[in-house]
């Protein structure tokens, strides 16, 4: 199974600055934690357009963490919402994205 994330992209951007990498990981954890909670709350009230906007916002964050699966889920959620896709499928994808985000956050906390 592929690793959920990699810090290689961040390390390349940081150019050897480990403090920068750590700061970016902390920022990712804080941001994605808050947005995951927002998405879960928004799903309860059916605010799909707002969920699509959050998915759009999170996709680059997943890319920086080299989390291809979460990046693809975020892109799919956004695309399906824009296309007026099946809400049950969108909800299932959003739930998978939220669950995967929480697992990723837990994994990243272990390296801090």
N, C-alpha and C. Protein backbone atom coordinates (compact mmCIF):
# COMPACT_ATOMS: atom_id res chain seq x y z
N UNK A 1 0.83 -1.18 0.00
CA UNK A 1 0.00 0.00 0.00
C UNK A 1 0.88 1.25 0.00
N UNK A 2 0.47 2.24 -0.75
CA UNK A 2 1.22 3.49 -0.82
C UNK A 2 1.13 4.22 0.52
N UNK A 3 2.19 4.95 0.81
CA UNK A 3 2.20 5.76 2.02
C UNK A 3 1.17 6.89 1.86
N UNK A 4 0.54 7.25 2.95
CA UNK A 4 -0.50 8.27 2.92
C UNK A 4 0.05 9.65 2.57
N UNK A 5 1.32 9.88 2.87
CA UNK A 5 1.92 11.19 2.59
C UNK A 5 3.43 11.03 2.43
N UNK A 6 4.04 12.11 1.99
CA UNK A 6 5.49 12.21 1.91
C UNK A 6 5.85 13.68 2.13
N UNK A 7 6.93 13.92 2.80
CA UNK A 7 7.40 15.29 3.02
C UNK A 7 8.40 15.73 1.95
N UNK A 8 8.62 14.91 0.95
CA UNK A 8 9.64 15.22 -0.06
C UNK A 8 9.42 16.56 -0.75
N UNK A 9 8.18 16.88 -1.09
CA UNK A 9 7.90 18.14 -1.78
C UNK A 9 8.23 19.31 -0.85
N UNK A 10 7.77 19.22 0.39
CA UNK A 10 8.07 20.29 1.35
C UNK A 10 9.56 20.43 1.60
N UNK A 11 10.25 19.30 1.72
CA UNK A 11 11.70 19.34 1.94
C UNK A 11 12.42 19.99 0.77
N UNK A 12 11.94 19.71 -0.43
CA UNK A 12 12.55 20.31 -1.62
C UNK A 12 12.33 21.82 -1.61
N UNK A 13 11.12 22.25 -1.29
CA UNK A 13 10.81 23.68 -1.22
C UNK A 13 11.64 24.34 -0.12
N UNK A 14 11.79 23.64 1.01
CA UNK A 14 12.50 24.20 2.17
C UNK A 14 13.99 24.31 1.96
N UNK A 15 14.53 23.54 1.06
CA UNK A 15 15.97 23.61 0.80
C UNK A 15 16.81 23.32 2.02
N UNK A 16 16.39 22.33 2.83
CA UNK A 16 17.17 21.94 4.00
C UNK A 16 16.78 22.63 5.29
N UNK A 17 15.80 23.50 5.24
CA UNK A 17 15.35 24.22 6.44
C UNK A 17 14.28 23.38 7.16
N UNK A 18 14.73 22.57 8.13
CA UNK A 18 13.82 21.68 8.84
C UNK A 18 12.76 22.43 9.63
N UNK A 19 13.10 23.62 10.13
CA UNK A 19 12.12 24.42 10.87
C UNK A 19 10.96 24.83 9.95
N UNK A 20 11.28 25.14 8.70
CA UNK A 20 10.24 25.49 7.74
C UNK A 20 9.31 24.31 7.51
N UNK A 21 9.89 23.13 7.33
CA UNK A 21 9.08 21.93 7.12
C UNK A 21 8.16 21.70 8.32
N UNK A 22 8.71 21.82 9.51
CA UNK A 22 7.90 21.63 10.71
C UNK A 22 6.77 22.66 10.77
N UNK A 23 7.07 23.91 10.48
CA UNK A 23 6.05 24.96 10.49
C UNK A 23 4.94 24.65 9.47
N UNK A 24 5.33 24.18 8.31
CA UNK A 24 4.34 23.85 7.28
C UNK A 24 3.46 22.67 7.71
N UNK A 25 4.05 21.70 8.37
CA UNK A 25 3.27 20.56 8.86
C UNK A 25 2.27 21.02 9.92
N UNK A 26 2.72 21.87 10.83
CA UNK A 26 1.83 22.41 11.86
C UNK A 26 0.70 23.21 11.22
N UNK A 27 1.03 24.03 10.25
CA UNK A 27 0.02 24.82 9.54
C UNK A 27 -0.97 23.90 8.84
N UNK A 28 -0.48 22.86 8.20
CA UNK A 28 -1.35 21.89 7.53
C UNK A 28 -2.31 21.27 8.54
N UNK A 29 -1.78 20.79 9.65
CA UNK A 29 -2.60 20.15 10.67
C UNK A 29 -3.70 21.10 11.15
N UNK A 30 -3.33 22.32 11.47
CA UNK A 30 -4.31 23.30 11.97
C UNK A 30 -5.39 23.59 10.93
N UNK A 31 -4.96 23.85 9.72
CA UNK A 31 -5.89 24.22 8.66
C UNK A 31 -6.81 23.07 8.28
N UNK A 32 -6.23 21.91 8.06
CA UNK A 32 -7.03 20.76 7.61
C UNK A 32 -7.96 20.28 8.73
N UNK A 33 -7.51 20.36 9.97
CA UNK A 33 -8.38 19.99 11.10
C UNK A 33 -9.63 20.86 11.10
N UNK A 34 -9.43 22.17 10.99
CA UNK A 34 -10.55 23.10 11.02
C UNK A 34 -11.48 22.89 9.82
N UNK A 35 -10.90 22.72 8.65
CA UNK A 35 -11.73 22.56 7.45
C UNK A 35 -12.46 21.22 7.43
N UNK A 36 -11.85 20.20 8.01
CA UNK A 36 -12.53 18.90 8.10
C UNK A 36 -13.76 19.03 9.00
N UNK A 37 -13.60 19.71 10.13
CA UNK A 37 -14.76 19.95 11.01
C UNK A 37 -15.83 20.76 10.27
N UNK A 38 -15.41 21.77 9.53
CA UNK A 38 -16.36 22.58 8.77
C UNK A 38 -17.13 21.72 7.77
N UNK A 39 -16.43 20.86 7.04
CA UNK A 39 -17.10 20.02 6.05
C UNK A 39 -18.11 19.09 6.70
N UNK A 40 -17.75 18.51 7.83
CA UNK A 40 -18.67 17.61 8.52
C UNK A 40 -19.92 18.37 8.96
N UNK A 41 -19.74 19.57 9.48
CA UNK A 41 -20.88 20.39 9.90
C UNK A 41 -21.73 20.78 8.69
N UNK A 42 -21.09 21.18 7.60
CA UNK A 42 -21.80 21.59 6.40
C UNK A 42 -22.57 20.44 5.76
N UNK A 43 -22.04 19.22 5.87
CA UNK A 43 -22.76 18.06 5.33
C UNK A 43 -24.08 17.86 6.07
N UNK A 44 -24.07 18.10 7.37
CA UNK A 44 -25.29 17.93 8.17
C UNK A 44 -26.41 18.85 7.72
N UNK A 45 -26.05 20.02 7.19
CA UNK A 45 -27.07 20.98 6.78
C UNK A 45 -27.19 21.09 5.25
N UNK A 46 -26.45 20.24 4.53
CA UNK A 46 -26.59 20.18 3.08
C UNK A 46 -26.02 21.36 2.32
N UNK A 47 -24.98 21.96 2.83
CA UNK A 47 -24.33 23.10 2.16
C UNK A 47 -23.25 22.60 1.21
N UNK A 48 -23.69 21.99 0.12
CA UNK A 48 -22.77 21.30 -0.79
C UNK A 48 -21.84 22.26 -1.51
N UNK A 49 -22.34 23.43 -1.89
CA UNK A 49 -21.49 24.38 -2.60
C UNK A 49 -20.32 24.81 -1.70
N UNK A 50 -20.59 25.02 -0.43
CA UNK A 50 -19.52 25.40 0.52
C UNK A 50 -18.53 24.25 0.69
N UNK A 51 -19.03 23.02 0.69
CA UNK A 51 -18.14 21.85 0.78
C UNK A 51 -17.24 21.79 -0.45
N UNK A 52 -17.79 22.08 -1.62
CA UNK A 52 -16.99 22.11 -2.84
C UNK A 52 -15.89 23.15 -2.77
N UNK A 53 -16.21 24.30 -2.18
CA UNK A 53 -15.20 25.36 -2.03
C UNK A 53 -14.09 24.93 -1.08
N UNK A 54 -14.45 24.24 -0.01
CA UNK A 54 -13.44 23.75 0.93
C UNK A 54 -12.58 22.68 0.27
N UNK A 55 -13.21 21.78 -0.46
CA UNK A 55 -12.45 20.73 -1.16
C UNK A 55 -11.45 21.37 -2.13
N UNK A 56 -11.88 22.43 -2.83
CA UNK A 56 -10.99 23.15 -3.74
C UNK A 56 -9.81 23.76 -2.98
N UNK A 57 -10.10 24.30 -1.81
CA UNK A 57 -9.07 24.93 -0.99
C UNK A 57 -8.08 23.90 -0.42
N UNK A 58 -8.58 22.71 -0.09
CA UNK A 58 -7.73 21.68 0.52
C UNK A 58 -6.85 20.94 -0.48
N UNK A 59 -7.27 20.86 -1.72
CA UNK A 59 -6.53 20.06 -2.72
C UNK A 59 -5.04 20.42 -2.78
N UNK A 60 -4.67 21.70 -2.87
CA UNK A 60 -3.23 22.01 -2.91
C UNK A 60 -2.50 21.62 -1.63
N UNK A 61 -3.19 21.70 -0.49
CA UNK A 61 -2.57 21.27 0.76
C UNK A 61 -2.20 19.79 0.71
N UNK A 62 -3.12 18.99 0.18
CA UNK A 62 -2.84 17.56 0.04
C UNK A 62 -1.69 17.33 -0.94
N UNK A 63 -1.64 18.15 -1.98
CA UNK A 63 -0.56 18.01 -2.96
C UNK A 63 0.80 18.28 -2.32
N UNK A 64 0.89 19.32 -1.47
CA UNK A 64 2.16 19.61 -0.80
C UNK A 64 2.60 18.49 0.13
N UNK A 65 1.63 17.75 0.66
CA UNK A 65 1.95 16.62 1.52
C UNK A 65 2.10 15.33 0.69
N UNK A 66 2.02 15.49 -0.62
CA UNK A 66 2.17 14.36 -1.55
C UNK A 66 1.18 13.24 -1.20
N UNK A 67 -0.04 13.66 -0.83
CA UNK A 67 -1.10 12.71 -0.51
C UNK A 67 -2.04 12.62 -1.71
N UNK A 68 -1.63 11.80 -2.66
CA UNK A 68 -2.33 11.70 -3.94
C UNK A 68 -3.79 11.26 -3.77
N UNK A 69 -4.04 10.31 -2.89
CA UNK A 69 -5.41 9.81 -2.70
C UNK A 69 -6.34 10.92 -2.20
N UNK A 70 -5.88 11.69 -1.23
CA UNK A 70 -6.72 12.77 -0.70
C UNK A 70 -6.84 13.91 -1.72
N UNK A 71 -5.79 14.18 -2.45
CA UNK A 71 -5.85 15.19 -3.51
C UNK A 71 -6.93 14.81 -4.53
N UNK A 72 -6.91 13.55 -4.96
CA UNK A 72 -7.88 13.09 -5.95
C UNK A 72 -9.30 13.11 -5.40
N UNK A 73 -9.47 12.75 -4.13
CA UNK A 73 -10.80 12.82 -3.51
C UNK A 73 -11.30 14.25 -3.47
N UNK A 74 -10.46 15.17 -3.06
CA UNK A 74 -10.86 16.58 -2.99
C UNK A 74 -11.27 17.09 -4.37
N UNK A 75 -10.47 16.75 -5.38
CA UNK A 75 -10.79 17.17 -6.74
C UNK A 75 -12.10 16.56 -7.22
N UNK A 76 -12.34 15.30 -6.88
CA UNK A 76 -13.58 14.63 -7.27
C UNK A 76 -14.80 15.23 -6.58
N UNK A 77 -14.66 15.53 -5.29
CA UNK A 77 -15.77 16.15 -4.55
C UNK A 77 -16.12 17.48 -5.21
N UNK A 78 -15.12 18.30 -5.45
CA UNK A 78 -15.38 19.60 -6.07
C UNK A 78 -16.04 19.45 -7.44
N UNK A 79 -15.50 18.55 -8.25
CA UNK A 79 -16.01 18.35 -9.61
C UNK A 79 -17.46 17.86 -9.58
N UNK A 80 -17.75 16.89 -8.74
CA UNK A 80 -19.10 16.33 -8.68
C UNK A 80 -20.12 17.34 -8.16
N UNK A 81 -19.71 18.16 -7.21
CA UNK A 81 -20.63 19.19 -6.70
C UNK A 81 -20.92 20.20 -7.80
N UNK A 82 -19.89 20.64 -8.51
CA UNK A 82 -20.09 21.60 -9.60
C UNK A 82 -20.98 21.02 -10.70
N UNK A 83 -20.85 19.72 -10.92
CA UNK A 83 -21.62 19.07 -11.99
C UNK A 83 -23.03 18.69 -11.53
N UNK A 84 -23.34 18.91 -10.26
CA UNK A 84 -24.66 18.52 -9.76
C UNK A 84 -24.80 17.02 -9.63
N UNK A 85 -23.73 16.36 -9.24
CA UNK A 85 -23.72 14.90 -9.13
C UNK A 85 -24.60 14.37 -8.01
N UNK A 86 -24.63 13.06 -7.91
CA UNK A 86 -25.43 12.35 -6.92
C UNK A 86 -24.97 12.71 -5.51
N UNK A 87 -25.87 13.25 -4.71
CA UNK A 87 -25.50 13.71 -3.37
C UNK A 87 -25.07 12.58 -2.45
N UNK A 88 -25.63 11.39 -2.62
CA UNK A 88 -25.18 10.27 -1.80
C UNK A 88 -23.73 9.90 -2.10
N UNK A 89 -23.37 9.93 -3.37
CA UNK A 89 -21.99 9.64 -3.75
C UNK A 89 -21.05 10.76 -3.28
N UNK A 90 -21.50 12.00 -3.40
CA UNK A 90 -20.70 13.14 -2.95
C UNK A 90 -20.49 13.05 -1.43
N UNK A 91 -21.55 12.70 -0.71
CA UNK A 91 -21.44 12.57 0.75
C UNK A 91 -20.46 11.46 1.11
N UNK A 92 -20.52 10.35 0.39
CA UNK A 92 -19.61 9.23 0.66
C UNK A 92 -18.16 9.64 0.39
N UNK A 93 -17.92 10.35 -0.71
CA UNK A 93 -16.56 10.81 -1.01
C UNK A 93 -16.09 11.82 0.03
N UNK A 94 -16.98 12.71 0.43
CA UNK A 94 -16.62 13.71 1.44
C UNK A 94 -16.29 13.04 2.76
N UNK A 95 -17.07 12.03 3.13
CA UNK A 95 -16.78 11.28 4.36
C UNK A 95 -15.43 10.59 4.28
N UNK A 96 -15.11 10.01 3.12
CA UNK A 96 -13.80 9.36 2.95
C UNK A 96 -12.68 10.39 3.04
N UNK A 97 -12.90 11.57 2.45
CA UNK A 97 -11.89 12.62 2.50
C UNK A 97 -11.68 13.09 3.94
N UNK A 98 -12.77 13.27 4.69
CA UNK A 98 -12.66 13.69 6.09
C UNK A 98 -11.94 12.63 6.92
N UNK A 99 -12.32 11.37 6.74
CA UNK A 99 -11.69 10.29 7.50
C UNK A 99 -10.20 10.18 7.15
N UNK A 100 -9.88 10.27 5.86
CA UNK A 100 -8.48 10.22 5.43
C UNK A 100 -7.68 11.39 5.97
N UNK A 101 -8.32 12.55 6.02
CA UNK A 101 -7.65 13.74 6.57
C UNK A 101 -7.30 13.54 8.03
N UNK A 102 -8.21 12.96 8.78
CA UNK A 102 -7.96 12.73 10.20
C UNK A 102 -6.83 11.72 10.41
N UNK A 103 -6.79 10.70 9.58
CA UNK A 103 -5.70 9.72 9.66
C UNK A 103 -4.38 10.41 9.32
N UNK A 104 -4.37 11.21 8.27
CA UNK A 104 -3.16 11.92 7.87
C UNK A 104 -2.70 12.86 8.99
N UNK A 105 -3.62 13.58 9.58
CA UNK A 105 -3.27 14.48 10.68
C UNK A 105 -2.64 13.70 11.83
N UNK A 106 -3.23 12.57 12.18
CA UNK A 106 -2.66 11.73 13.25
C UNK A 106 -1.25 11.28 12.91
N UNK A 107 -1.03 10.88 11.67
CA UNK A 107 0.30 10.45 11.24
C UNK A 107 1.30 11.60 11.32
N UNK A 108 0.88 12.78 10.89
CA UNK A 108 1.78 13.93 10.90
C UNK A 108 2.11 14.38 12.33
N UNK A 109 1.17 14.26 13.22
CA UNK A 109 1.44 14.63 14.63
C UNK A 109 2.53 13.76 15.21
N UNK A 110 2.64 12.53 14.76
CA UNK A 110 3.66 11.60 15.27
C UNK A 110 5.07 12.05 14.91
N UNK A 111 5.23 12.81 13.86
CA UNK A 111 6.57 13.21 13.43
C UNK A 111 7.01 14.56 14.00
N UNK A 112 6.10 15.24 14.68
CA UNK A 112 6.45 16.55 15.24
C UNK A 112 7.25 16.41 16.51
